Protein backbone atom coordinates (compact mmCIF):
# COMPACT_ATOMS: atom_id res chain seq x y z
CA MET A 1 8.54 0.16 -11.17
CA ALA A 2 6.26 -2.36 -9.47
CA PRO A 3 3.72 -1.92 -8.03
CA THR A 4 2.97 1.00 -10.39
CA LEU A 5 4.15 -0.72 -13.57
CA ILE A 6 4.95 -4.39 -14.10
CA GLY A 7 6.70 -6.33 -16.83
CA SER A 8 5.78 -9.81 -18.01
CA ALA A 9 4.12 -11.45 -15.01
CA ARG A 10 2.01 -14.38 -13.85
CA GLN A 11 -0.73 -14.52 -11.24
CA ILE A 12 -0.72 -17.42 -8.80
CA VAL A 13 -3.66 -18.23 -6.56
CA CYS A 14 -2.68 -19.85 -3.26
CA SER A 15 -4.39 -23.20 -2.67
CA HIS A 16 -4.37 -22.61 1.09
CA CYS A 17 -5.88 -19.14 1.42
CA GLU A 18 -7.06 -18.43 -2.17
CA HIS A 19 -5.16 -15.14 -2.14
CA PRO A 20 -3.76 -14.09 -5.56
CA LEU A 21 -0.10 -13.13 -5.92
CA THR A 22 1.41 -11.40 -8.96
CA VAL A 23 5.03 -12.42 -9.57
CA ASP A 24 7.62 -11.97 -12.28
CA ALA A 25 7.12 -14.52 -15.05
CA ASP A 26 10.65 -15.87 -14.53
CA SER A 27 9.72 -16.89 -10.97
CA ILE A 28 7.38 -19.63 -12.20
CA PRO A 29 8.91 -23.13 -12.57
CA THR A 30 8.72 -24.54 -16.11
CA ASP A 31 9.84 -27.71 -17.87
CA SER A 32 13.05 -26.00 -18.91
CA MET A 33 13.52 -24.41 -15.50
CA PRO A 34 12.29 -27.17 -13.15
CA ALA A 35 11.95 -25.45 -9.81
CA PRO A 36 14.28 -22.53 -9.11
CA ASN A 37 11.74 -21.13 -6.70
CA SER A 38 10.10 -24.28 -5.40
CA THR A 39 10.16 -22.67 -1.95
CA LEU A 40 8.11 -19.71 -3.15
CA ALA A 41 5.61 -18.93 -0.41
CA CYS A 42 2.36 -17.01 -0.28
CA LEU A 43 2.92 -13.54 1.16
CA HIS A 44 -0.54 -13.64 2.69
CA CYS A 45 -0.64 -16.88 4.67
CA GLY A 46 3.07 -17.78 4.58
CA LYS A 47 2.52 -21.32 3.27
CA ARG A 48 4.41 -22.67 0.28
CA PHE A 49 2.67 -22.81 -3.05
CA MET A 50 1.55 -26.20 -4.32
CA PRO A 51 2.79 -27.53 -7.71
CA SER A 52 -0.77 -27.16 -9.02
CA ASP A 53 -0.67 -23.45 -8.17
CA PHE A 54 2.19 -22.97 -10.62
CA GLU A 55 0.46 -25.08 -13.27
CA ASN A 56 -2.68 -22.95 -13.05
CA ALA A 57 -0.90 -19.59 -12.99
CA SER A 58 -2.36 -17.14 -15.49
CA ALA A 59 -0.26 -14.85 -17.69
CA LEU A 60 -0.51 -11.08 -17.28
CA PRO A 61 0.57 -8.69 -20.05
CA ALA A 62 3.37 -6.25 -19.41
CA ASP A 63 2.37 -2.63 -18.87
CA VAL A 64 2.90 -0.26 -21.78
CA VAL A 65 3.49 3.48 -21.38
CA THR A 66 3.41 6.46 -23.70
CA VAL A 67 5.90 9.30 -23.31
CA THR A 68 4.83 12.91 -23.69
CA THR A 69 7.55 15.45 -24.35
CA ILE A 70 7.50 18.34 -21.88
CA ASP A 71 9.70 21.26 -20.92
CA PRO A 72 11.64 19.96 -17.89
CA ARG A 73 10.94 23.24 -16.11
CA GLN A 74 7.22 22.39 -16.15
CA LEU A 75 7.59 19.02 -14.45
CA SER A 76 5.75 18.43 -11.17
CA ARG A 77 6.80 16.40 -8.17
CA GLY A 78 5.45 12.86 -8.21
CA GLU A 79 5.17 12.50 -11.99
CA LEU A 80 6.43 9.40 -13.76
CA VAL A 81 9.19 10.37 -16.17
CA ALA A 82 11.27 8.70 -18.87
CA VAL A 83 14.92 9.21 -17.95
CA THR A 84 18.04 8.33 -19.92
CA TRP A 85 21.43 7.53 -18.45
CA GLU A 86 24.25 5.34 -19.71
CA ASP A 87 22.40 5.10 -23.05
CA GLN A 88 19.43 3.32 -21.47
CA GLN A 89 15.91 4.59 -20.88
CA HIS A 90 14.22 4.12 -17.51
CA VAL A 91 10.85 5.00 -15.97
CA LYS A 92 11.21 6.66 -12.57
CA ARG A 93 9.24 8.91 -10.22
CA LEU A 94 10.32 12.53 -9.96
CA VAL A 95 10.60 13.40 -6.25
CA GLY A 96 13.27 16.12 -6.00
CA LEU A 97 13.15 19.39 -7.98
CA PRO A 98 15.88 22.01 -8.53
CA GLY A 99 16.68 23.75 -5.25
CA ASP A 100 15.35 20.91 -3.06
CA THR A 101 17.49 19.51 -0.25
CA VAL A 102 17.73 15.71 -0.08
CA SER A 103 18.56 14.21 3.30
CA LEU A 104 18.00 11.11 5.46
CA ASP A 105 15.69 10.58 8.42
CA PRO A 106 17.94 10.20 11.50
CA ALA A 107 15.16 8.34 13.32
CA SER A 108 15.04 5.54 10.72
CA ASP A 109 16.68 2.12 11.05
CA ASP A 110 19.67 0.94 9.02
CA ARG A 111 17.61 1.56 5.88
CA PRO A 112 16.90 5.28 6.47
CA ARG A 113 13.93 6.99 4.86
CA ILE A 114 14.66 9.67 2.28
CA LEU A 115 13.57 13.22 3.05
CA ILE A 116 12.95 16.09 0.64
CA ASN A 117 13.17 19.48 2.37
CA GLY A 118 12.78 17.68 5.69
CA GLN A 119 9.65 15.70 4.72
CA ARG A 120 9.30 12.01 3.95
CA VAL A 121 8.93 11.42 0.22
CA GLU A 122 5.73 9.41 0.69
CA ASP A 123 4.22 12.29 2.67
CA LEU A 124 5.03 14.74 -0.13
CA LEU A 125 3.35 12.47 -2.69
CA ALA A 126 0.28 11.76 -0.57
CA PRO A 127 -2.40 11.04 -1.12
CA THR A 128 -3.03 11.45 -4.85
CA GLN A 129 0.37 10.32 -6.17
CA SER A 130 1.27 7.78 -3.51
CA PRO A 131 1.64 4.29 -5.04
CA ARG A 132 0.14 1.50 -2.96
CA VAL A 133 1.01 -2.12 -2.17
CA ASP A 134 -1.72 -4.57 -1.10
CA VAL A 135 -1.38 -5.88 2.46
CA SER A 136 -4.49 -7.94 3.25
CA SER A 137 -8.12 -8.43 2.28
CA ASP A 138 -8.63 -11.30 4.72
CA LEU A 139 -11.79 -10.81 6.77
CA MET A 140 -10.47 -13.22 9.43
CA ARG A 141 -7.82 -10.70 10.44
CA TRP A 142 -10.52 -8.33 11.70
CA HIS A 143 -11.88 -8.73 15.24
CA SER A 144 -14.51 -6.98 17.36
CA LEU A 145 -13.16 -5.60 20.62
CA ALA A 146 -16.56 -5.82 22.34
CA LEU A 147 -17.69 -8.95 24.19
CA PRO A 148 -20.44 -9.70 23.52
CA SER A 149 -20.46 -7.95 20.18
CA SER A 150 -23.39 -6.75 18.13
CA TRP A 151 -21.26 -7.31 15.03
CA LEU A 152 -21.32 -10.71 13.34
CA ARG A 153 -18.54 -11.85 11.03
CA SER A 154 -19.78 -13.84 8.05
CA THR A 155 -17.88 -16.43 6.07
CA SER A 156 -19.02 -14.58 2.93
CA ASN A 157 -16.58 -11.74 3.51
CA HIS A 158 -18.61 -9.20 5.46
CA TRP A 159 -19.47 -7.92 8.92
CA SER A 160 -23.08 -7.15 9.76
CA SER A 161 -25.27 -5.93 12.60
CA LYS A 162 -28.95 -6.80 12.45
CA ASN A 163 -30.00 -3.76 14.46
CA ALA A 164 -28.30 -0.39 14.24
CA LEU A 165 -29.42 0.43 17.78
CA ASP A 166 -27.31 -2.47 19.05
CA ILE A 167 -24.09 -0.95 17.75
CA ARG A 168 -22.45 0.70 20.70
CA GLU A 169 -20.08 3.56 20.03
CA SER A 170 -17.36 1.69 21.90
CA GLU A 171 -17.54 -1.25 19.47
CA TRP A 172 -14.42 -1.09 17.35
CA ILE A 173 -13.50 -3.66 14.74
CA VAL A 174 -9.71 -3.85 14.60
CA TYR A 175 -7.26 -5.21 12.05
CA ARG A 176 -4.69 -7.62 13.52
CA HIS A 177 -1.71 -8.00 11.20
CA GLN A 178 -0.23 -11.47 10.87
CA ASP A 179 3.34 -11.70 9.58
CA PRO A 180 3.68 -14.38 6.87
CA HIS A 181 7.45 -14.34 7.41
CA ASN A 182 7.02 -15.26 11.06
CA ALA A 183 4.58 -18.18 10.91
CA GLY A 184 1.56 -15.85 10.93
CA ARG A 185 2.35 -14.39 14.34
CA ASP A 186 1.14 -10.90 15.19
CA GLY A 187 3.51 -8.18 14.04
CA PRO A 188 3.74 -4.80 12.34
CA VAL A 189 3.08 -4.35 8.63
CA LEU A 190 6.41 -4.67 6.76
CA ASP A 191 7.71 -3.20 3.50
CA ASP A 192 7.33 -6.39 1.51
CA TYR A 193 7.12 -6.29 -2.29
CA PRO A 194 5.21 -9.34 -3.58
CA MET A 195 6.81 -9.15 -7.04
CA ASN A 196 10.32 -9.57 -5.59
CA THR A 197 10.16 -13.31 -4.95
CA SER A 198 13.91 -13.85 -5.36
CA VAL A 199 15.07 -10.91 -3.21
CA ARG A 200 16.32 -11.72 0.29
CA ARG A 201 16.66 -8.69 2.56
CA LYS A 202 15.78 -7.24 5.92
CA LEU A 203 12.22 -5.91 6.05
CA SER A 204 11.30 -2.67 7.79
CA PRO A 205 8.02 -1.65 9.46
CA VAL A 206 5.74 0.74 7.58
CA ASP A 207 3.22 3.18 8.99
CA ARG A 208 1.47 4.90 6.09
CA LEU A 209 -1.59 2.67 5.69
CA TRP A 210 -4.86 2.79 3.77
CA LEU A 211 -8.26 1.17 4.29
CA ASP A 212 -10.86 0.49 1.60
CA ALA A 213 -14.31 -0.78 2.59
CA SER A 214 -17.92 -0.83 1.41
CA PHE A 215 -21.00 -0.07 3.54
CA ARG A 216 -24.69 -0.80 3.07
CA SER A 217 -27.38 0.69 5.28
CA ASP A 218 -30.90 2.14 5.05
CA PHE A 219 -29.72 5.27 6.83
CA ALA A 220 -26.72 7.58 6.84
CA LEU A 221 -23.66 6.46 8.77
CA ASN A 222 -20.88 8.32 10.52
CA VAL A 223 -17.81 6.12 10.20
CA GLN A 224 -14.55 6.56 12.07
CA VAL A 225 -11.26 4.91 11.11
CA ALA A 226 -8.34 5.03 13.55
CA PHE A 227 -4.72 4.61 12.41
CA TRP A 228 -1.56 3.95 14.38
CA THR A 229 1.62 5.83 13.46
CA PRO A 230 4.88 6.31 15.39
CA GLU A 231 3.99 10.00 15.64
CA GLY A 232 0.70 9.20 17.37
CA HIS A 233 -2.85 8.04 16.70
CA ARG A 234 -4.87 9.54 13.86
CA LEU A 235 -8.63 9.53 13.25
CA HIS A 236 -10.46 9.71 9.92
CA GLU A 237 -14.18 10.55 9.92
CA SER A 238 -16.62 10.14 7.04
CA HIS A 239 -20.36 10.72 6.66
CA LEU A 240 -21.81 8.10 4.31
CA PRO A 241 -25.28 8.43 2.76
CA ALA A 242 -27.97 5.77 3.01
CA SER A 243 -27.41 2.98 0.49
CA SER A 244 -29.96 0.22 1.04
CA SER A 245 -29.95 -0.79 -2.64
CA GLY A 246 -26.17 -1.04 -2.93
CA PHE A 247 -22.85 -0.33 -1.27
CA THR A 248 -21.13 2.99 -0.62
CA THR A 249 -17.36 2.81 -0.76
CA LEU A 250 -14.98 4.40 1.71
CA THR A 251 -11.26 5.03 1.24
CA ALA A 252 -9.36 6.29 4.27
CA CYS A 253 -5.66 6.91 4.78
CA VAL A 254 -3.32 8.39 7.36
CA TRP A 255 -3.09 11.69 5.49
CA ASP A 256 -6.86 12.24 5.62
CA ALA A 257 -6.91 11.63 9.37
CA ALA A 258 -6.48 14.16 12.17
CA ALA A 259 -4.28 13.73 15.23
CA SER A 260 -6.13 11.95 18.01
CA GLU A 261 -5.55 10.20 21.34
CA ASN A 262 -6.54 7.00 23.12
CA GLN A 263 -7.62 5.07 20.04
CA PRO A 264 -7.58 1.22 20.15
CA VAL A 265 -4.62 0.88 17.76
CA SER A 266 -0.98 -0.14 18.05
CA ALA A 267 1.87 -1.29 15.81
CA ASN A 268 0.34 -4.79 15.61
CA LEU A 269 -3.26 -3.49 15.51
CA PRO A 270 -2.68 -0.57 13.14
CA ILE A 271 -6.27 0.11 11.97
CA ALA A 272 -9.66 0.15 13.71
CA ILE A 273 -13.11 1.05 12.40
CA ARG A 274 -16.45 1.84 14.06
CA ILE A 275 -19.87 3.38 13.49
CA ALA A 276 -19.89 6.57 15.54
CA GLY A 277 -22.66 7.40 18.00
CA ASP A 278 -24.36 10.12 15.95
CA THR A 279 -25.55 7.76 13.23
CA GLU A 280 -28.82 9.08 11.80
CA THR A 281 -31.42 6.48 12.78
CA SER A 282 -34.68 6.49 14.68
CA ASP A 283 -35.76 4.37 17.62
CA THR A 284 -37.97 2.29 15.37
CA GLU A 285 -35.40 1.39 12.77
CA THR A 286 -33.98 -2.12 12.86
CA SER A 287 -32.17 -2.10 9.55
CA GLU A 288 -29.04 -4.16 9.06
CA VAL A 289 -25.66 -2.48 8.62
CA THR A 290 -23.20 -4.39 6.44
CA ILE A 291 -19.47 -3.83 5.94
CA GLU A 292 -17.65 -5.79 3.26
CA GLY A 293 -14.47 -5.67 1.22
CA LEU A 294 -12.25 -4.58 4.12
CA SER A 295 -8.91 -4.21 2.37
CA VAL A 296 -5.65 -2.91 3.88
CA SER A 297 -2.85 -1.51 1.75
CA ARG A 298 0.27 0.53 2.37
CA SER A 299 2.05 3.34 0.63
CA VAL A 300 5.47 2.75 -0.87
CA GLU A 301 8.13 4.03 1.54
CA TYR A 302 11.29 5.37 -0.03
CA ARG A 303 14.49 4.35 1.77
CA LEU A 304 18.17 3.81 1.18
CA ASN A 305 19.29 0.21 0.96
CA ARG A 306 22.30 -1.04 2.86
CA HIS A 307 24.67 -0.78 -0.12
CA HIS A 308 23.86 2.86 -0.86
CA ASP A 309 26.40 5.55 0.01
CA ARG A 310 25.08 7.67 2.88
CA SER A 311 28.04 10.02 3.05
CA ARG A 312 26.72 12.22 0.22
CA TYR A 313 23.65 13.27 2.24
CA PRO A 314 22.44 15.92 2.79
CA PHE A 315 22.84 17.82 -0.47
CA THR A 316 20.94 20.48 -2.39
CA LEU A 317 19.97 20.04 -6.04
CA SER A 318 21.30 22.64 -8.44
CA GLU A 319 19.11 24.60 -10.84
CA ASN A 320 19.62 21.90 -13.50
CA GLU A 321 19.25 18.79 -11.32
CA CYS A 322 16.46 16.55 -10.11
CA PHE A 323 16.21 13.44 -7.92
CA VAL A 324 14.33 10.37 -9.18
CA LEU A 325 13.33 7.13 -7.46
CA GLY A 326 11.82 3.83 -8.54
CA ASP A 327 8.69 2.56 -6.78
CA ASN A 328 10.21 -0.93 -6.46
CA VAL A 329 12.44 0.46 -3.73
CA PRO A 330 14.52 -2.65 -2.83
CA ILE A 331 15.85 -3.29 -6.36
CA SER A 332 15.46 -0.04 -8.27
CA VAL A 333 18.52 1.65 -9.77
CA ASP A 334 17.87 5.38 -9.46
CA SER A 335 19.28 8.57 -7.95
CA ARG A 336 20.24 6.68 -4.81
CA THR A 337 22.85 4.92 -6.97
CA VAL A 338 23.67 7.29 -9.84
CA GLY A 339 23.09 10.55 -7.99
CA PRO A 340 21.09 13.59 -9.16
CA ILE A 341 19.91 13.57 -12.78
CA HIS A 342 20.40 16.49 -15.15
CA LEU A 343 17.09 17.89 -16.40
CA ARG A 344 18.13 17.33 -20.00
CA SER A 345 18.18 13.58 -19.27
CA ILE A 346 14.38 13.61 -18.86
CA GLN A 347 12.69 12.71 -22.14
CA GLY A 348 9.13 13.39 -20.96
CA THR A 349 6.32 12.23 -18.72
CA CYS A 350 5.07 8.63 -18.80
CA HIS A 351 1.43 7.58 -18.93
CA PRO A 352 0.28 3.94 -18.64
CA LEU A 353 -1.58 2.83 -21.75
CA ALA A 354 -4.86 1.04 -21.07
CA LEU A 355 -4.86 -2.33 -22.82
CA THR A 356 -7.98 -3.20 -24.80
CA GLU A 357 -9.30 -6.57 -25.83
């Protein structure tokens, strides 16, 4: 169920870019298993891990869940549930309820997206129950479109402007995605799953992105975040209060953004951010505006894999059936393989248990 739940894992820190990567514990070479994955590469910079990276990998405990018994008729879409089939218990996400129609997106590639009542699963779960996968927190992938720019990029992981009056409304900072599978060349964000180090498959573009960032300013800011999607550009707007003594966080996603036009985004430049022109400042203010922690992530996109049978779609769930999916889409065994699940096979809802020291 990665990225939502993980089993026994290790965290490697790349010597080249210092980006951490969480992988299955069995992916790490040991004395008894010399180097089954000696070609394991960083999914951030694309370079191969050094032997010292494996030696310094830290152990992460497996997630533990509790199961709460519930009347299956009271289940809600998006909940994690304990399901039993073939005498084994599994944790899956409930996406299809009795009476729902499950179909495939005809506009998808050879790994079609799954639709529930005509909507993409990830759109039905958004934004509160949409699991996320980290994409990049690299400041060097962000660039100002203005030349010269009033924004300065610092090596200490932030952008700043010494004078708010210098920030022109046309000054967008854009995220340029670099594909680690293609020597860091520009490309769209793909549906990679960092935990799946041993899985070899075709990757598909994704378009349901998120941005997290922190702002510090002596005055209130109006922040705009533009997103690219195949359906068109979208614009998120937030009013952030003054925060001179600390940072104010912003989380923006496609679902919180309204349809828009002529934004400086594309498939390879999927997110842009700017301070809008109606920022509340006076002519005498020269306070610095700082943006840090720019972090891009993506929602899990639920698709069929090449080996799944497409001929059964579309179908409608009976009054006693549901449709469940695993968040680790490429390798999960779920309703795509075993078909609809009878409600009596659901043992209850699952809740991650917080581990204490």
